[in-house]
Protein backbone atom coordinates (compact mmCIF):
# COMPACT_ATOMS: atom_id res chain seq x y z
CA UNK A 1 0.00 0.00 0.00
CA UNK A 2 1.64 3.23 -1.12
CA UNK A 3 1.26 5.97 1.49
CA UNK A 4 2.19 9.44 0.28
CA UNK A 5 0.92 11.41 3.27
CA UNK A 6 -0.34 9.55 6.33
CA UNK A 7 -3.23 10.90 8.33
CA UNK A 8 -1.29 12.36 11.26
CA UNK A 9 -4.39 12.23 13.46
CA UNK A 10 -4.37 8.41 13.33
CA UNK A 11 -2.34 5.93 15.34
CA UNK A 12 -0.48 3.21 13.43
CA UNK A 13 1.23 -0.07 14.28
CA UNK A 14 4.24 -1.99 13.01
CA UNK A 15 1.83 -4.09 10.92
CA UNK A 16 0.86 -0.87 9.08
CA UNK A 17 4.51 0.18 8.85
CA UNK A 18 5.40 -3.05 7.03
CA UNK A 19 2.84 -2.27 4.30
CA UNK A 20 3.99 1.27 3.58
CA UNK A 21 6.10 2.38 0.66
CA UNK A 22 7.15 5.89 1.64
CA UNK A 23 9.46 7.87 -0.65
CA UNK A 24 11.62 8.54 2.46
CA UNK A 25 12.39 6.67 5.66
CA UNK A 26 9.99 7.09 8.58
CA UNK A 27 9.85 6.20 12.24
CA UNK A 28 6.80 5.27 14.28
CA UNK A 29 6.78 6.64 17.83
CA UNK A 30 3.84 5.65 20.01
CA UNK A 31 1.82 5.13 16.84
CA UNK A 32 2.60 8.53 15.28
CA UNK A 33 4.55 8.84 12.01
CA UNK A 34 7.78 10.90 11.92
CA UNK A 35 9.53 11.49 8.58
CA UNK A 36 13.32 11.24 8.51
CA UNK A 37 14.16 13.30 5.44
CA UNK A 38 16.27 14.92 4.21
CA UNK A 39 19.21 12.52 4.25
CA UNK A 40 21.80 13.12 6.99
CA UNK A 41 24.58 15.63 6.28
CA UNK A 42 28.10 14.50 5.42
CA UNK A 43 29.23 15.76 8.88
CA UNK A 44 26.56 13.62 10.56
CA UNK A 45 27.67 10.59 8.56
CA UNK A 46 31.35 11.19 9.28
CA UNK A 47 30.68 11.28 13.04
CA UNK A 48 28.49 8.19 12.76
CA UNK A 49 31.22 6.34 10.84
CA UNK A 50 33.89 7.22 13.42
CA UNK A 51 31.69 5.94 16.25
CA UNK A 52 30.74 2.74 14.41
CA UNK A 53 34.39 2.03 13.56
CA UNK A 54 35.48 2.55 17.19
CA UNK A 55 32.68 0.45 18.65
CA UNK A 56 32.80 -2.20 15.93
CA UNK A 57 36.57 -2.68 16.28
CA UNK A 58 36.17 -3.11 20.03
CA UNK A 59 33.33 -5.61 19.61
CA UNK A 60 35.11 -7.85 17.09
CA UNK A 61 34.73 -11.42 18.32
CA UNK A 62 32.41 -10.41 21.19
CA UNK A 63 28.73 -11.20 21.80
CA UNK A 64 27.49 -7.60 21.52
CA UNK A 65 26.91 -6.24 18.00
CA UNK A 66 26.76 -2.68 16.65
CA UNK A 67 24.29 -1.56 13.98
CA UNK A 68 23.93 1.74 12.10
CA UNK A 69 20.81 3.23 10.50
CA UNK A 70 18.84 2.28 8.58
CA UNK A 71 18.04 -0.50 11.07
CA UNK A 72 14.57 -1.03 12.53
CA UNK A 73 14.33 -1.24 16.30
CA UNK A 74 10.86 -2.37 17.40
CA UNK A 75 10.03 -1.39 20.97
CA UNK A 76 7.02 -3.41 22.14
CA UNK A 77 5.01 -2.13 25.11
CA UNK A 78 2.78 -5.17 25.63
CA UNK A 79 2.99 -8.13 23.31
CA UNK A 80 5.43 -8.79 20.51
CA UNK A 81 2.86 -9.18 17.73
CA UNK A 82 3.30 -6.71 14.84
CA UNK A 83 -0.19 -5.27 15.43
CA UNK A 84 0.68 -4.47 19.06
CA UNK A 85 3.96 -2.64 18.38
CA UNK A 86 3.47 1.12 18.01
CA UNK A 87 7.11 2.25 18.19
CA UNK A 88 9.63 1.49 15.43
CA UNK A 89 12.73 3.70 15.46
CA UNK A 90 15.95 3.81 13.47
CA UNK A 91 18.68 4.92 15.85
CA UNK A 92 21.80 6.32 14.22
CA UNK A 93 23.78 3.67 16.12
CA UNK A 94 22.76 0.93 18.51
CA UNK A 95 24.57 -1.81 20.40
CA UNK A 96 22.71 -5.03 21.18
CA UNK A 97 24.18 -7.57 23.57
CA UNK A 98 21.32 -10.11 23.55
CA UNK A 99 21.50 -12.08 20.27
CA UNK A 100 17.89 -13.26 20.80
CA UNK A 101 16.69 -9.70 20.09
CA UNK A 102 18.22 -9.65 16.59
CA UNK A 103 16.22 -11.02 13.68
CA UNK A 104 15.96 -10.52 9.91
CA UNK A 105 13.85 -7.37 10.38
CA UNK A 106 16.19 -5.69 12.87
CA UNK A 107 15.90 -5.66 16.65
CA UNK A 108 12.88 -6.64 18.75
CA UNK A 109 13.25 -5.06 22.18
CA UNK A 110 15.49 -2.45 23.71
CA UNK A 111 19.11 -2.22 22.56
CA UNK A 112 21.62 -1.91 25.39
CA UNK A 113 23.06 1.34 24.06
CA UNK A 114 21.68 3.88 21.57
CA UNK A 115 23.48 6.86 20.04
CA UNK A 116 21.58 9.59 18.20
CA UNK A 117 23.40 12.31 16.26
CA UNK A 118 21.43 15.55 16.22
CA UNK A 119 20.49 17.47 13.10
CA UNK A 120 18.25 20.50 12.76
CA UNK A 121 15.50 18.22 11.47
CA UNK A 122 15.70 15.60 14.25
CA UNK A 123 16.96 17.32 17.41
CA UNK A 124 13.54 17.96 18.99
CA UNK A 125 12.49 14.36 18.36
CA UNK A 126 15.79 12.92 19.64
CA UNK A 127 15.73 15.02 22.82
CA UNK A 128 12.04 14.56 23.58
CA UNK A 129 10.07 11.69 22.03
CA UNK A 130 13.00 9.34 21.56
CA UNK A 131 14.43 10.13 24.99
CA UNK A 132 11.08 9.13 26.51
CA UNK A 133 10.58 5.92 24.49
CA UNK A 134 14.17 4.78 25.05
CA UNK A 135 13.81 5.36 28.78
CA UNK A 136 10.44 3.59 28.89
CA UNK A 137 11.72 0.64 26.82
CA UNK A 138 14.74 0.17 29.08
CA UNK A 139 17.62 1.24 26.81
CA UNK A 140 20.38 1.19 29.43
CA UNK A 141 22.58 3.86 27.88
CA UNK A 142 21.62 6.77 25.60
CA UNK A 143 24.10 9.21 24.04
CA UNK A 144 23.04 12.36 22.21
CA UNK A 145 25.78 13.76 19.96
CA UNK A 146 25.68 17.42 18.90
CA UNK A 147 27.88 17.81 15.78
CA UNK A 148 27.93 21.61 15.67
CA UNK A 149 28.74 22.13 19.35
CA UNK A 150 30.96 19.02 19.36
CA UNK A 151 29.41 17.73 22.57
CA UNK A 152 27.90 14.50 23.87
CA UNK A 153 25.17 14.11 26.47
CA UNK A 154 25.37 10.65 28.05
CA UNK A 155 22.48 9.15 30.00
CA UNK A 156 22.21 5.84 31.85
CA UNK A 157 19.18 4.20 33.42
CA UNK A 158 19.10 4.22 37.21
CA UNK A 159 17.54 1.46 39.33
CA UNK A 160 14.14 3.23 39.09
CA UNK A 161 14.18 3.04 35.28
CA UNK A 162 14.86 6.77 34.78
CA UNK A 163 17.73 8.37 32.88
CA UNK A 164 20.48 10.11 34.79
CA UNK A 165 23.18 12.16 33.11
CA UNK A 166 26.16 14.23 34.06
CA UNK A 167 25.51 17.90 34.79
CA UNK A 168 27.54 19.09 31.82
CA UNK A 169 28.11 17.61 28.38
CA UNK A 170 31.32 15.92 27.30
CA UNK A 171 33.30 18.15 24.96
CA UNK A 172 35.66 17.59 22.01
CA UNK A 173 38.75 17.07 24.20
CA UNK A 174 37.11 14.48 26.49
CA UNK A 175 37.26 10.72 26.47
CA UNK A 176 34.07 8.87 27.40
CA UNK A 177 33.87 5.41 28.86
CA UNK A 178 30.72 3.52 27.90
CA UNK A 179 28.67 2.11 30.78
CA UNK A 180 27.47 -0.73 28.55
CA UNK A 181 31.01 -1.64 27.46
CA UNK A 182 33.16 -0.40 30.37
CA UNK A 183 36.44 -1.41 28.72
CA UNK A 184 35.63 0.82 25.72
CA UNK A 185 36.74 4.44 25.79
CA UNK A 186 35.69 6.81 23.00
CA UNK A 187 38.10 9.66 22.20
CA UNK A 188 35.93 12.60 21.13
CA UNK A 189 38.91 14.30 19.47
CA UNK A 190 38.79 11.50 16.89
CA UNK A 191 34.98 11.48 16.67
CA UNK A 192 34.83 15.22 16.01
CA UNK A 193 37.85 15.31 13.70
CA UNK A 194 37.35 18.19 11.26
CA UNK A 195 36.71 17.16 7.65
CA UNK A 196 38.99 18.37 4.87
CA UNK A 197 36.19 19.26 2.47
């Protein structure tokens, strides 16, 4: 079923999502459709690549796996049937340590670690709607990368299921240790390396 413009007043499910043929990628958050166009900037993709390379190199031969968008992450609230799932997101980067959550269609359930890279088109969604659904779903670690300011906000779930973060963001000269992968340290100088173009 080709859907040019969804009715934004309606609530959809993953079963609907599977039938759509949008001209651009979309996400479904609590049943509401969010478009993901235009395509990410070259700066966004460079930062994403640096993070994926760092994390992927560290994970070589380990149980946890790293995935980059486009990659569907289905976050069920009740059951796992397609018609019951109302949140399907495509994080810029996610790390999944439970192989049972990975299938041919992506990930079913909360990744252990999600990284979103802000753009002017996605920042409100990443800092509000996605923050809330990741927290509710139990994503243990959530990083928000700001390419222009060259900062990272890092959040981890506390024992009450709420995100806690440091009082100030990490900056370009910092090194961050992942809570999910405590032996992994990310050097932000490398992540935010200035392009030559």
